[in-house]
Amino acid sequence: MSEHVEEVTTRDEIWRARPTDARLVGIVVGRDGMPSIVEQRRQLTSFGVPIEGFRHPAPNVAETWEERLTRLFGRLERGDVVVVTNVGVFGRDASEEAQTIAELGRRGIMIKVLAHESPVA
C-alpha cells in the first residue's frame, strides 16, 4: 500500500482522522478481476459509505483513463475521504494505481480501502 492509503475493517475506522466537514466519497469501477459494481456498492453501503446519484456506467461511453481521472479529480476537494473496496479502482495496472493514489495524496485527499475479510455490519 501507500502512505496515502489506509485499510479499514469497521465503520468507525472510516471516519478516524477525518477533517471537519470532509465529505465521504465512495467510488466503484467496473473492471475485469474486480467485484461487480453492484457488489462494490453493497460493500460500501454496508460500511455506511453513501454513493449519491449512483448509476451504472454506460458501457458505450468511450472515455480514456486520463479523462476519467480528470473528471474524478475535478469532483474531489482537499480533505475528502475516498472509500473503495479495492485499490484496483485507481488504475488499470499497479503503475496507474500508484500514480493515481500519489496524486490524490498530493491533493490532500485521504483514501480508505475496505478490508476484504470484514464482516458486514
N, C-alpha and C. Protein backbone atom coordinates (compact mmCIF):
# COMPACT_ATOMS: atom_id res chain seq x y z
N MET A 1 0.85 -1.18 0.00
CA MET A 1 0.00 0.00 0.00
C MET A 1 0.89 1.24 0.00
N SER A 2 0.25 2.37 0.15
CA SER A 2 0.92 3.66 0.09
C SER A 2 0.68 4.40 1.40
N GLU A 3 1.48 5.42 1.62
CA GLU A 3 1.28 6.25 2.81
C GLU A 3 -0.06 6.97 2.78
N HIS A 4 -0.67 7.05 1.60
CA HIS A 4 -1.94 7.76 1.46
C HIS A 4 -3.15 6.84 1.60
N VAL A 5 -2.90 5.53 1.77
CA VAL A 5 -3.98 4.54 1.79
C VAL A 5 -4.02 3.86 3.14
N GLU A 6 -5.22 3.73 3.69
CA GLU A 6 -5.41 3.02 4.96
C GLU A 6 -6.49 1.97 4.77
N GLU A 7 -6.20 0.74 5.18
CA GLU A 7 -7.22 -0.31 5.14
C GLU A 7 -8.08 -0.18 6.39
N VAL A 8 -9.39 -0.33 6.21
CA VAL A 8 -10.31 -0.22 7.34
C VAL A 8 -11.14 -1.49 7.46
N THR A 9 -11.49 -1.82 8.70
CA THR A 9 -12.28 -3.03 8.94
C THR A 9 -13.63 -2.74 9.58
N THR A 10 -13.85 -1.52 10.06
CA THR A 10 -15.12 -1.16 10.68
C THR A 10 -15.57 0.22 10.20
N ARG A 11 -16.85 0.49 10.40
CA ARG A 11 -17.39 1.81 10.03
C ARG A 11 -16.65 2.93 10.76
N ASP A 12 -16.34 2.73 12.03
CA ASP A 12 -15.70 3.77 12.83
C ASP A 12 -14.34 4.16 12.25
N GLU A 13 -13.61 3.20 11.71
CA GLU A 13 -12.29 3.49 11.17
C GLU A 13 -12.34 4.39 9.94
N ILE A 14 -13.42 4.33 9.19
CA ILE A 14 -13.53 5.18 8.01
C ILE A 14 -13.46 6.64 8.40
N TRP A 15 -14.03 6.98 9.55
CA TRP A 15 -14.12 8.37 9.96
C TRP A 15 -12.92 8.84 10.77
N ARG A 16 -12.06 7.93 11.21
CA ARG A 16 -10.91 8.32 12.02
C ARG A 16 -10.02 9.30 11.25
N ALA A 17 -9.59 10.32 11.90
CA ALA A 17 -8.70 11.34 11.34
C ALA A 17 -9.36 12.10 10.19
N ARG A 18 -10.66 12.12 10.17
CA ARG A 18 -11.37 12.84 9.12
C ARG A 18 -11.41 14.32 9.47
N PRO A 19 -10.98 15.17 8.55
CA PRO A 19 -11.05 16.61 8.82
C PRO A 19 -12.49 17.06 9.00
N THR A 20 -12.69 18.11 9.76
CA THR A 20 -14.01 18.68 9.95
C THR A 20 -14.61 19.03 8.60
N ASP A 21 -15.86 18.69 8.41
CA ASP A 21 -16.60 18.98 7.19
C ASP A 21 -16.13 18.22 5.95
N ALA A 22 -15.27 17.21 6.12
CA ALA A 22 -14.82 16.43 4.96
C ALA A 22 -15.97 15.57 4.44
N ARG A 23 -15.99 15.39 3.15
CA ARG A 23 -17.00 14.53 2.54
C ARG A 23 -16.48 13.10 2.48
N LEU A 24 -17.38 12.16 2.61
CA LEU A 24 -17.08 10.75 2.45
C LEU A 24 -17.56 10.37 1.05
N VAL A 25 -16.66 9.90 0.20
CA VAL A 25 -16.98 9.63 -1.20
C VAL A 25 -16.65 8.18 -1.53
N GLY A 26 -17.66 7.41 -1.90
CA GLY A 26 -17.44 6.04 -2.33
C GLY A 26 -17.28 5.99 -3.84
N ILE A 27 -16.30 5.21 -4.29
CA ILE A 27 -16.05 5.09 -5.73
C ILE A 27 -16.09 3.62 -6.12
N VAL A 28 -16.80 3.33 -7.20
CA VAL A 28 -16.86 1.97 -7.75
C VAL A 28 -16.44 2.03 -9.22
N VAL A 29 -15.82 0.95 -9.68
CA VAL A 29 -15.37 0.86 -11.07
C VAL A 29 -15.64 -0.54 -11.58
N GLY A 30 -16.18 -0.64 -12.78
CA GLY A 30 -16.38 -1.94 -13.41
C GLY A 30 -15.14 -2.33 -14.19
N ARG A 31 -14.49 -3.42 -13.79
CA ARG A 31 -13.27 -3.84 -14.46
C ARG A 31 -13.09 -5.33 -14.23
N ASP A 32 -12.55 -6.01 -15.22
CA ASP A 32 -12.24 -7.44 -15.07
C ASP A 32 -11.35 -7.64 -13.85
N GLY A 33 -11.60 -8.72 -13.12
CA GLY A 33 -10.80 -9.03 -11.94
C GLY A 33 -11.24 -8.33 -10.67
N MET A 34 -12.28 -7.53 -10.76
CA MET A 34 -12.81 -6.83 -9.58
C MET A 34 -14.23 -7.29 -9.34
N PRO A 35 -14.72 -7.12 -8.12
CA PRO A 35 -16.14 -7.43 -7.87
C PRO A 35 -17.03 -6.59 -8.78
N SER A 36 -18.24 -7.05 -9.02
CA SER A 36 -19.17 -6.28 -9.85
C SER A 36 -19.43 -4.92 -9.20
N ILE A 37 -19.91 -3.99 -9.99
CA ILE A 37 -20.25 -2.67 -9.48
C ILE A 37 -21.31 -2.78 -8.39
N VAL A 38 -22.27 -3.67 -8.59
CA VAL A 38 -23.33 -3.86 -7.59
C VAL A 38 -22.72 -4.37 -6.29
N GLU A 39 -21.78 -5.31 -6.36
CA GLU A 39 -21.14 -5.85 -5.15
C GLU A 39 -20.28 -4.78 -4.47
N GLN A 40 -19.54 -4.01 -5.24
CA GLN A 40 -18.74 -2.93 -4.65
C GLN A 40 -19.65 -1.95 -3.92
N ARG A 41 -20.75 -1.59 -4.56
CA ARG A 41 -21.70 -0.65 -3.94
C ARG A 41 -22.28 -1.25 -2.66
N ARG A 42 -22.62 -2.54 -2.69
CA ARG A 42 -23.16 -3.20 -1.49
C ARG A 42 -22.16 -3.14 -0.35
N GLN A 43 -20.89 -3.43 -0.66
CA GLN A 43 -19.87 -3.40 0.38
C GLN A 43 -19.71 -2.00 0.95
N LEU A 44 -19.67 -1.00 0.10
CA LEU A 44 -19.52 0.36 0.58
C LEU A 44 -20.71 0.80 1.43
N THR A 45 -21.92 0.52 0.97
CA THR A 45 -23.09 0.95 1.74
C THR A 45 -23.19 0.18 3.06
N SER A 46 -22.70 -1.06 3.10
CA SER A 46 -22.73 -1.80 4.36
C SER A 46 -21.80 -1.16 5.40
N PHE A 47 -20.82 -0.39 4.95
CA PHE A 47 -19.93 0.35 5.84
C PHE A 47 -20.45 1.76 6.10
N GLY A 48 -21.62 2.09 5.55
CA GLY A 48 -22.18 3.41 5.76
C GLY A 48 -21.65 4.47 4.82
N VAL A 49 -21.04 4.05 3.72
CA VAL A 49 -20.49 4.99 2.75
C VAL A 49 -21.57 5.32 1.73
N PRO A 50 -21.99 6.58 1.67
CA PRO A 50 -23.04 6.94 0.72
C PRO A 50 -22.48 7.02 -0.70
N ILE A 51 -23.28 6.59 -1.64
CA ILE A 51 -22.94 6.78 -3.04
C ILE A 51 -24.13 7.50 -3.66
N GLU A 52 -24.07 8.82 -3.60
CA GLU A 52 -25.18 9.64 -4.06
C GLU A 52 -25.27 9.59 -5.58
N GLY A 53 -26.48 9.54 -6.08
CA GLY A 53 -26.69 9.56 -7.52
C GLY A 53 -26.09 8.35 -8.21
N PHE A 54 -26.06 7.20 -7.54
CA PHE A 54 -25.45 6.02 -8.12
C PHE A 54 -26.16 5.64 -9.41
N ARG A 55 -25.38 5.43 -10.45
CA ARG A 55 -25.89 4.94 -11.73
C ARG A 55 -24.88 3.94 -12.26
N HIS A 56 -25.38 2.93 -12.94
CA HIS A 56 -24.46 2.02 -13.61
C HIS A 56 -23.80 2.79 -14.75
N PRO A 57 -22.48 2.64 -14.90
CA PRO A 57 -21.81 3.33 -16.01
C PRO A 57 -22.35 2.82 -17.35
N ALA A 58 -22.47 3.71 -18.30
CA ALA A 58 -22.90 3.31 -19.64
C ALA A 58 -21.75 2.58 -20.33
N PRO A 59 -21.97 1.36 -20.77
CA PRO A 59 -20.88 0.59 -21.37
C PRO A 59 -20.37 1.16 -22.68
N ASN A 60 -21.16 2.02 -23.34
CA ASN A 60 -20.76 2.53 -24.63
C ASN A 60 -20.05 3.89 -24.55
N VAL A 61 -19.75 4.37 -23.37
CA VAL A 61 -19.06 5.64 -23.22
C VAL A 61 -17.58 5.42 -23.51
N ALA A 62 -17.09 6.12 -24.51
CA ALA A 62 -15.68 6.00 -24.89
C ALA A 62 -14.91 7.11 -24.20
N GLU A 63 -14.43 6.83 -23.01
CA GLU A 63 -13.71 7.82 -22.21
C GLU A 63 -12.36 7.22 -21.84
N THR A 64 -11.29 7.95 -22.08
CA THR A 64 -9.97 7.44 -21.73
C THR A 64 -9.78 7.46 -20.22
N TRP A 65 -8.80 6.70 -19.75
CA TRP A 65 -8.49 6.69 -18.32
C TRP A 65 -8.13 8.09 -17.85
N GLU A 66 -7.39 8.83 -18.65
CA GLU A 66 -6.98 10.18 -18.28
C GLU A 66 -8.20 11.10 -18.15
N GLU A 67 -9.17 10.95 -19.03
CA GLU A 67 -10.40 11.74 -18.95
C GLU A 67 -11.19 11.39 -17.69
N ARG A 68 -11.22 10.11 -17.36
CA ARG A 68 -11.92 9.70 -16.13
C ARG A 68 -11.23 10.29 -14.90
N LEU A 69 -9.88 10.27 -14.88
CA LEU A 69 -9.16 10.83 -13.74
C LEU A 69 -9.40 12.33 -13.63
N THR A 70 -9.38 13.02 -14.75
CA THR A 70 -9.63 14.47 -14.73
C THR A 70 -11.01 14.75 -14.15
N ARG A 71 -11.99 13.95 -14.55
CA ARG A 71 -13.35 14.13 -14.02
C ARG A 71 -13.37 13.83 -12.53
N LEU A 72 -12.70 12.75 -12.10
CA LEU A 72 -12.64 12.40 -10.67
C LEU A 72 -11.97 13.51 -9.87
N PHE A 73 -10.79 13.96 -10.32
CA PHE A 73 -10.06 14.99 -9.58
C PHE A 73 -10.87 16.28 -9.49
N GLY A 74 -11.66 16.58 -10.51
CA GLY A 74 -12.47 17.79 -10.51
C GLY A 74 -13.61 17.75 -9.52
N ARG A 75 -13.98 16.56 -9.08
CA ARG A 75 -15.10 16.43 -8.14
C ARG A 75 -14.67 16.29 -6.68
N LEU A 76 -13.38 16.08 -6.47
CA LEU A 76 -12.88 15.90 -5.11
C LEU A 76 -12.22 17.16 -4.60
N GLU A 77 -12.30 17.35 -3.28
CA GLU A 77 -11.72 18.53 -2.65
C GLU A 77 -10.75 18.09 -1.55
N ARG A 78 -9.79 18.94 -1.25
CA ARG A 78 -8.84 18.68 -0.17
C ARG A 78 -9.62 18.30 1.09
N GLY A 79 -9.20 17.20 1.72
CA GLY A 79 -9.85 16.75 2.94
C GLY A 79 -10.91 15.69 2.72
N ASP A 80 -11.34 15.50 1.47
CA ASP A 80 -12.32 14.45 1.20
C ASP A 80 -11.72 13.09 1.56
N VAL A 81 -12.59 12.18 1.94
CA VAL A 81 -12.18 10.81 2.27
C VAL A 81 -12.80 9.90 1.21
N VAL A 82 -11.95 9.32 0.36
CA VAL A 82 -12.40 8.41 -0.69
C VAL A 82 -12.34 7.00 -0.14
N VAL A 83 -13.44 6.26 -0.30
CA VAL A 83 -13.51 4.88 0.18
C VAL A 83 -13.76 3.96 -1.01
N VAL A 84 -12.94 2.91 -1.12
CA VAL A 84 -13.06 1.94 -2.20
C VAL A 84 -12.98 0.53 -1.62
N THR A 85 -13.43 -0.44 -2.41
CA THR A 85 -13.35 -1.83 -1.97
C THR A 85 -12.00 -2.44 -2.31
N ASN A 86 -11.27 -1.81 -3.24
CA ASN A 86 -10.02 -2.37 -3.73
C ASN A 86 -9.23 -1.25 -4.40
N VAL A 87 -7.90 -1.22 -4.22
CA VAL A 87 -7.10 -0.17 -4.86
C VAL A 87 -7.13 -0.27 -6.37
N GLY A 88 -7.60 -1.41 -6.92
CA GLY A 88 -7.73 -1.56 -8.36
C GLY A 88 -8.65 -0.53 -8.98
N VAL A 89 -9.46 0.12 -8.16
CA VAL A 89 -10.34 1.19 -8.64
C VAL A 89 -9.51 2.33 -9.25
N PHE A 90 -8.29 2.51 -8.77
CA PHE A 90 -7.49 3.67 -9.15
C PHE A 90 -6.64 3.51 -10.40
N GLY A 91 -6.68 2.34 -11.02
CA GLY A 91 -5.89 2.19 -12.24
C GLY A 91 -6.05 0.83 -12.87
N ARG A 92 -5.64 0.75 -14.14
CA ARG A 92 -5.74 -0.50 -14.88
C ARG A 92 -4.58 -1.43 -14.59
N ASP A 93 -3.55 -0.91 -13.92
CA ASP A 93 -2.41 -1.73 -13.51
C ASP A 93 -1.77 -1.07 -12.30
N ALA A 94 -0.75 -1.74 -11.74
CA ALA A 94 -0.14 -1.24 -10.50
C ALA A 94 0.47 0.15 -10.67
N SER A 95 1.02 0.43 -11.83
CA SER A 95 1.62 1.74 -12.07
C SER A 95 0.57 2.84 -12.05
N GLU A 96 -0.56 2.63 -12.74
CA GLU A 96 -1.64 3.63 -12.72
C GLU A 96 -2.22 3.79 -11.33
N GLU A 97 -2.37 2.68 -10.61
CA GLU A 97 -2.88 2.76 -9.24
C GLU A 97 -1.97 3.65 -8.41
N ALA A 98 -0.67 3.40 -8.46
CA ALA A 98 0.29 4.17 -7.67
C ALA A 98 0.27 5.64 -8.05
N GLN A 99 0.21 5.94 -9.36
CA GLN A 99 0.18 7.33 -9.80
C GLN A 99 -1.07 8.05 -9.32
N THR A 100 -2.21 7.39 -9.44
CA THR A 100 -3.47 8.00 -9.02
C THR A 100 -3.48 8.23 -7.51
N ILE A 101 -3.06 7.23 -6.75
CA ILE A 101 -3.02 7.35 -5.29
C ILE A 101 -2.08 8.47 -4.87
N ALA A 102 -0.92 8.56 -5.50
CA ALA A 102 0.03 9.63 -5.17
C ALA A 102 -0.57 11.00 -5.48
N GLU A 103 -1.25 11.13 -6.62
CA GLU A 103 -1.86 12.41 -6.98
C GLU A 103 -2.97 12.78 -6.00
N LEU A 104 -3.79 11.81 -5.62
CA LEU A 104 -4.83 12.09 -4.62
C LEU A 104 -4.19 12.55 -3.32
N GLY A 105 -3.11 11.90 -2.90
CA GLY A 105 -2.40 12.31 -1.69
C GLY A 105 -1.87 13.72 -1.79
N ARG A 106 -1.28 14.07 -2.93
CA ARG A 106 -0.78 15.44 -3.13
C ARG A 106 -1.90 16.47 -3.04
N ARG A 107 -3.09 16.06 -3.42
CA ARG A 107 -4.24 16.97 -3.38
C ARG A 107 -4.93 16.98 -2.01
N GLY A 108 -4.37 16.25 -1.04
CA GLY A 108 -4.92 16.25 0.31
C GLY A 108 -6.16 15.40 0.47
N ILE A 109 -6.30 14.39 -0.38
CA ILE A 109 -7.46 13.50 -0.32
C ILE A 109 -7.05 12.20 0.33
N MET A 110 -7.79 11.78 1.35
CA MET A 110 -7.49 10.54 2.07
C MET A 110 -8.15 9.37 1.35
N ILE A 111 -7.52 8.22 1.44
CA ILE A 111 -8.06 7.01 0.80
C ILE A 111 -8.21 5.93 1.86
N LYS A 112 -9.39 5.33 1.90
CA LYS A 112 -9.67 4.21 2.79
C LYS A 112 -10.08 3.02 1.93
N VAL A 113 -9.51 1.86 2.20
CA VAL A 113 -9.83 0.64 1.47
C VAL A 113 -10.47 -0.34 2.44
N LEU A 114 -11.63 -0.87 2.06
CA LEU A 114 -12.30 -1.84 2.93
C LEU A 114 -11.51 -3.14 2.97
N ALA A 115 -11.34 -3.66 4.16
CA ALA A 115 -10.68 -4.96 4.31
C ALA A 115 -11.59 -6.04 3.74
N HIS A 116 -11.04 -6.95 2.96
CA HIS A 116 -11.86 -7.95 2.28
C HIS A 116 -12.50 -8.95 3.24
N GLU A 117 -11.86 -9.21 4.37
CA GLU A 117 -12.43 -10.18 5.30
C GLU A 117 -13.37 -9.55 6.30
N SER A 118 -13.72 -8.29 6.08
CA SER A 118 -14.58 -7.57 7.03
C SER A 118 -15.98 -8.15 7.07
N PRO A 119 -16.53 -8.25 8.26
CA PRO A 119 -17.92 -8.67 8.35
C PRO A 119 -18.82 -7.51 7.94
N VAL A 120 -19.96 -7.82 7.37
CA VAL A 120 -20.93 -6.79 7.04
C VAL A 120 -21.59 -6.35 8.34
N ALA A 121 -21.50 -5.04 8.60
CA ALA A 121 -22.04 -4.54 9.87
C ALA A 121 -23.23 -3.70 9.64
